[in-house]
């Protein structure tokens, strides 16, 4: 039936609930970064210098040490906007719910752009480095070695208890599915029955669409990440979205119908003391 979201009130409820659900459940960024939705344009580093424990013969005395804060800040510098105008005749004469369809498409566009922005920035800023064997993740025989090597790069760090993540593109899934179906007994049975498993060797695996990791300049950021993926410890980077993603609907002079605008201000920072906990993976 056409025009099922017929009033502004119902459209506002629909768009906010659908957007909130999409960003919280589908956004990879939400799962691997700390999220700040305050109004702060600048966020100071939450990390200071590492303390040193002194081991000495029994004496009962000590000398307190000074510590320093890290001069590191996250500054929100980029704005994400997607806007469309739905003419009244397009809405009235359509045979489906045009407003709902466009809202969903715009929400997905924002979600994809945020993930690409944060994941590429994370990959660039991580100082850990790893190059796969030839064939990368698409070769099933490589998977166990790659996962073991990656885990070893961050093993022993206190932050590792936060959990580990790996972000791959959908073209990498084939090798994982084959490896999961042939390694272990109960795990292989689960993979054979349910398909791709989103956790492997204690690492949470997130899949994004091909073309997410790119060579590009977007907003204030420049990346050279084509052929790269990213692995690391969760919650050592911060994704800032002051007041979250916002939506406006407005009438425009000279046009019938309504203009829809979805926008937000996004900042990202991988904090200086933790850059080694994020690994830039180069596919061979």
Protein backbone atom coordinates (compact mmCIF):
# COMPACT_ATOMS: atom_id res chain seq x y z
CA UNK A 1 0.00 0.00 0.00
CA UNK A 2 1.31 3.45 -0.86
CA UNK A 3 2.17 6.07 1.74
CA UNK A 4 1.90 3.91 4.85
CA UNK A 5 3.97 6.43 6.83
CA UNK A 6 1.52 9.18 6.11
CA UNK A 7 2.26 11.69 8.84
CA UNK A 8 5.39 13.50 10.00
CA UNK A 9 4.97 12.15 13.53
CA UNK A 10 5.06 8.53 12.40
CA UNK A 11 7.94 9.21 10.02
CA UNK A 12 10.02 10.74 12.83
CA UNK A 13 9.40 7.73 15.06
CA UNK A 14 10.23 5.31 12.28
CA UNK A 15 13.40 7.00 11.10
CA UNK A 16 14.88 7.45 14.59
CA UNK A 17 14.12 3.90 15.70
CA UNK A 18 15.41 2.37 12.47
CA UNK A 19 18.56 4.51 12.48
CA UNK A 20 19.35 3.83 16.13
CA UNK A 21 18.90 0.10 15.64
CA UNK A 22 21.06 0.06 12.51
CA UNK A 23 23.92 2.06 14.03
CA UNK A 24 24.05 0.09 17.25
CA UNK A 25 23.59 -3.40 15.80
CA UNK A 26 25.21 -3.17 12.36
CA UNK A 27 27.99 -0.62 12.79
CA UNK A 28 31.32 -2.43 13.16
CA UNK A 29 32.72 0.78 14.64
CA UNK A 30 30.36 0.51 17.63
CA UNK A 31 31.67 -2.97 18.41
CA UNK A 32 35.41 -2.31 18.33
CA UNK A 33 35.77 1.29 19.57
CA UNK A 34 34.85 3.26 22.64
CA UNK A 35 31.94 5.51 21.68
CA UNK A 36 31.54 9.12 22.83
CA UNK A 37 28.25 10.91 22.08
CA UNK A 38 28.83 13.95 24.26
CA UNK A 39 28.92 17.47 22.81
CA UNK A 40 32.71 17.64 23.09
CA UNK A 41 34.56 18.74 19.96
CA UNK A 42 37.89 17.82 21.58
CA UNK A 43 38.50 14.77 23.78
CA UNK A 44 41.70 14.40 25.79
CA UNK A 45 43.61 11.14 25.93
CA UNK A 46 42.39 8.82 28.69
CA UNK A 47 45.86 7.29 29.01
CA UNK A 48 48.91 8.48 30.95
CA UNK A 49 52.45 7.16 31.16
CA UNK A 50 52.99 3.58 32.31
CA UNK A 51 53.96 3.13 35.98
CA UNK A 52 57.07 1.15 36.91
CA UNK A 53 57.04 -1.35 39.78
CA UNK A 54 60.19 -1.39 41.94
CA UNK A 55 61.34 -4.69 43.41
CA UNK A 56 63.68 -4.25 46.42
CA UNK A 57 64.92 -5.91 49.56
CA UNK A 58 62.56 -5.53 52.52
CA UNK A 59 62.84 -1.94 53.70
CA UNK A 60 59.35 -0.49 54.09
CA UNK A 61 60.33 2.69 52.27
CA UNK A 62 59.57 4.00 48.81
CA UNK A 63 60.02 6.98 46.55
CA UNK A 64 56.89 8.15 44.75
CA UNK A 65 57.40 8.77 41.05
CA UNK A 66 55.94 11.50 38.91
CA UNK A 67 53.75 10.52 36.03
CA UNK A 68 52.82 12.40 32.87
CA UNK A 69 49.66 12.60 30.88
CA UNK A 70 49.88 11.93 27.17
CA UNK A 71 49.53 15.06 25.06
CA UNK A 72 47.06 13.50 22.67
CA UNK A 73 43.57 14.63 21.68
CA UNK A 74 40.69 13.61 19.47
CA UNK A 75 39.25 16.52 17.51
CA UNK A 76 35.98 16.22 15.59
CA UNK A 77 36.75 17.61 12.13
CA UNK A 78 34.46 15.78 9.71
CA UNK A 79 30.77 16.07 8.88
CA UNK A 80 28.69 13.32 7.25
CA UNK A 81 25.62 14.41 5.28
CA UNK A 82 23.18 12.61 2.98
CA UNK A 83 20.22 14.56 1.63
CA UNK A 84 17.39 13.89 -0.82
CA UNK A 85 14.18 15.61 -1.87
CA UNK A 86 11.01 13.57 -2.33
CA UNK A 87 8.58 15.36 -4.61
CA UNK A 88 4.94 15.16 -3.57
CA UNK A 89 3.91 13.49 -6.83
CA UNK A 90 6.62 10.84 -6.36
CA UNK A 91 5.25 9.98 -2.93
CA UNK A 92 1.55 10.12 -3.86
CA UNK A 93 1.83 8.13 -7.07
CA UNK A 94 4.29 5.49 -5.87
CA UNK A 95 3.02 1.96 -5.27
CA UNK A 96 5.18 1.46 -2.18
CA UNK A 97 6.16 3.38 0.93
CA UNK A 98 8.58 5.85 -0.62
CA UNK A 99 9.48 7.67 2.60
CA UNK A 100 10.36 4.43 4.42
CA UNK A 101 12.37 3.19 1.44
CA UNK A 102 14.44 6.38 1.18
CA UNK A 103 14.96 6.56 4.95
CA UNK A 104 16.32 3.02 4.97
CA UNK A 105 18.63 3.73 2.03
CA UNK A 106 19.93 6.96 3.60
CA UNK A 107 20.47 5.25 6.97
CA UNK A 108 22.47 2.49 5.28
CA UNK A 109 24.51 5.07 3.39
CA UNK A 110 25.47 6.85 6.62
CA UNK A 111 26.28 3.56 8.35
CA UNK A 112 28.53 2.44 5.48
CA UNK A 113 30.32 5.80 5.35
CA UNK A 114 31.00 5.85 9.11
CA UNK A 115 32.38 2.31 9.08
CA UNK A 116 34.62 3.07 6.12
CA UNK A 117 35.88 6.28 7.73
CA UNK A 118 36.72 4.72 11.08
CA UNK A 119 38.08 1.40 9.78
CA UNK A 120 40.40 3.07 7.28
CA UNK A 121 41.60 5.55 9.91
CA UNK A 122 42.17 2.70 12.37
CA UNK A 123 44.15 0.72 9.79
CA UNK A 124 46.32 3.70 8.93
CA UNK A 125 47.05 4.66 12.55
CA UNK A 126 47.85 1.17 13.85
CA UNK A 127 51.59 0.63 14.19
CA UNK A 128 51.39 -3.15 14.34
CA UNK A 129 52.14 -4.70 10.95
CA UNK A 130 51.60 -8.13 9.41
CA UNK A 131 51.79 -9.51 5.87
CA UNK A 132 49.87 -12.69 5.06
CA UNK A 133 51.12 -15.62 3.07
CA UNK A 134 50.22 -15.62 -0.62
CA UNK A 135 46.47 -15.90 -1.06
CA UNK A 136 45.67 -14.09 2.17
CA UNK A 137 42.38 -15.00 3.85
CA UNK A 138 40.90 -16.51 0.68
CA UNK A 139 43.21 -19.53 1.01
CA UNK A 140 41.86 -21.84 3.70
CA UNK A 141 45.29 -23.31 4.45
CA UNK A 142 46.50 -19.86 5.54
CA UNK A 143 43.79 -19.15 8.11
CA UNK A 144 45.14 -20.98 11.18
CA UNK A 145 48.65 -19.56 10.76
CA UNK A 146 47.39 -16.02 10.18
CA UNK A 147 45.09 -16.12 13.20
CA UNK A 148 47.83 -17.58 15.39
CA UNK A 149 50.37 -15.01 14.23
CA UNK A 150 47.98 -12.09 14.76
CA UNK A 151 47.01 -13.22 18.25
CA UNK A 152 50.68 -13.54 19.15
CA UNK A 153 51.32 -9.92 18.20
CA UNK A 154 49.08 -8.61 21.01
CA UNK A 155 49.33 -11.50 23.50
CA UNK A 156 50.55 -10.54 26.97
CA UNK A 157 49.28 -6.96 26.91
CA UNK A 158 47.00 -6.09 29.81
CA UNK A 159 44.44 -4.57 27.41
CA UNK A 160 43.93 -7.87 25.59
CA UNK A 161 41.23 -8.84 28.10
CA UNK A 162 38.94 -6.35 26.32
CA UNK A 163 38.70 -8.81 23.46
CA UNK A 164 40.20 -9.15 19.99
CA UNK A 165 38.70 -8.26 16.62
CA UNK A 166 39.43 -8.84 12.97
CA UNK A 167 37.71 -6.94 10.16
CA UNK A 168 37.69 -8.57 6.72
CA UNK A 169 35.81 -7.95 3.49
CA UNK A 170 33.15 -10.28 2.13
CA UNK A 171 35.57 -11.63 -0.49
CA UNK A 172 37.68 -13.11 2.34
CA UNK A 173 34.84 -15.19 3.78
CA UNK A 174 35.34 -18.21 1.50
CA UNK A 175 38.68 -19.15 3.06
CA UNK A 176 37.27 -18.80 6.58
CA UNK A 177 34.24 -20.98 5.84
CA UNK A 178 36.45 -23.74 4.43
CA UNK A 179 38.84 -23.54 7.38
CA UNK A 180 36.03 -23.51 9.94
CA UNK A 181 34.39 -26.55 8.37
CA UNK A 182 37.56 -28.64 8.55
CA UNK A 183 39.11 -27.66 11.90
CA UNK A 184 37.95 -29.23 15.12
CA UNK A 185 34.94 -31.47 15.66
CA UNK A 186 32.12 -29.56 17.36
CA UNK A 187 33.23 -26.29 15.75
CA UNK A 188 33.34 -27.87 12.29
CA UNK A 189 29.88 -29.37 12.83
CA UNK A 190 28.54 -25.96 13.81
CA UNK A 191 30.13 -24.36 10.76
CA UNK A 192 28.81 -27.04 8.43
CA UNK A 193 25.32 -26.60 9.85
CA UNK A 194 25.18 -22.82 10.27
CA UNK A 195 27.72 -21.48 7.80
CA UNK A 196 30.25 -18.74 8.58
CA UNK A 197 30.99 -18.41 12.31
CA UNK A 198 31.73 -14.90 13.54
CA UNK A 199 34.36 -15.98 16.06
CA UNK A 200 37.55 -17.96 15.45
CA UNK A 201 40.36 -18.77 17.89
CA UNK A 202 38.90 -16.31 20.38
CA UNK A 203 38.82 -13.47 17.85
CA UNK A 204 35.54 -11.77 16.91
CA UNK A 205 35.33 -11.48 13.13
CA UNK A 206 33.44 -8.64 11.43
CA UNK A 207 32.67 -8.65 7.71
CA UNK A 208 32.27 -5.50 5.62
CA UNK A 209 31.58 -5.18 1.91
CA UNK A 210 34.36 -5.30 -0.64
CA UNK A 211 35.78 -1.85 -1.32
CA UNK A 212 35.67 -0.71 2.31
CA UNK A 213 39.46 -0.62 2.64
CA UNK A 214 40.59 1.91 0.03
CA UNK A 215 43.16 4.37 -1.23
CA UNK A 216 41.30 7.65 -0.92
CA UNK A 217 41.03 11.12 0.57
CA UNK A 218 37.76 11.51 2.47
CA UNK A 219 37.07 14.67 4.43
CA UNK A 220 40.26 15.50 6.34
CA UNK A 221 41.68 11.96 6.11
CA UNK A 222 43.92 10.33 3.49
CA UNK A 223 44.36 6.56 3.42
CA UNK A 224 46.36 4.01 1.43
CA UNK A 225 44.58 0.85 2.51
CA UNK A 226 43.68 -0.97 -0.69
CA UNK A 227 44.54 -4.64 -0.10
CA UNK A 228 44.67 -4.18 3.68
CA UNK A 229 42.61 -5.46 6.61
CA UNK A 230 42.75 -4.64 10.34
CA UNK A 231 43.15 -6.65 13.55
CA UNK A 232 43.57 -5.64 17.15
CA UNK A 233 42.34 -5.14 20.69
CA UNK A 234 38.89 -3.67 21.19
CA UNK A 235 38.22 -0.32 22.87
CA UNK A 236 41.70 1.22 22.56
CA UNK A 237 40.40 3.75 20.02
CA UNK A 238 37.56 6.24 20.39
CA UNK A 239 34.83 7.04 17.88
CA UNK A 240 33.13 10.35 18.63
CA UNK A 241 29.65 11.22 17.36
CA UNK A 242 28.53 14.39 19.18
CA UNK A 243 24.77 14.04 19.82
CA UNK A 244 24.73 11.04 17.50
CA UNK A 245 23.33 11.03 13.98
CA UNK A 246 20.57 13.61 13.45
CA UNK A 247 17.72 13.80 10.96
CA UNK A 248 15.75 16.72 9.59
CA UNK A 249 12.69 16.87 7.36
CA UNK A 250 11.74 20.21 5.88
CA UNK A 251 9.72 21.88 3.18
CA UNK A 252 11.72 23.79 0.58
CA UNK A 253 10.55 26.88 -1.26
CA UNK A 254 9.88 26.23 -4.93
CA UNK A 255 9.44 22.47 -4.56
CA UNK A 256 6.56 20.24 -3.55
CA UNK A 257 7.09 17.43 -1.07
CA UNK A 258 9.78 17.22 1.60
CA UNK A 259 13.55 17.34 1.86
CA UNK A 260 15.18 14.65 4.03
CA UNK A 261 18.61 15.25 5.55
CA UNK A 262 20.61 12.82 7.68
CA UNK A 263 23.81 14.21 9.16
CA UNK A 264 26.35 13.87 11.95
CA UNK A 265 29.77 15.02 13.13
CA UNK A 266 32.35 12.26 13.42
CA UNK A 267 35.79 12.11 14.99
CA UNK A 268 38.22 9.24 15.51
CA UNK A 269 41.39 8.62 17.49
CA UNK A 270 43.60 5.62 18.09
CA UNK A 271 45.32 6.73 21.29
CA UNK A 272 49.10 7.09 21.15
CA UNK A 273 50.07 4.59 23.90
CA UNK A 274 47.94 1.87 22.27
CA UNK A 275 48.84 2.03 18.59
CA UNK A 276 50.81 -1.24 18.74
CA UNK A 277 47.61 -3.04 19.74
CA UNK A 278 46.11 -2.42 16.29
CA UNK A 279 47.66 -4.34 13.40
CA UNK A 280 47.63 -3.20 9.76
CA UNK A 281 47.34 -6.39 7.72
CA UNK A 282 48.70 -6.44 4.18
CA UNK A 283 47.29 -9.15 1.91
CA UNK A 284 49.86 -10.98 -0.17
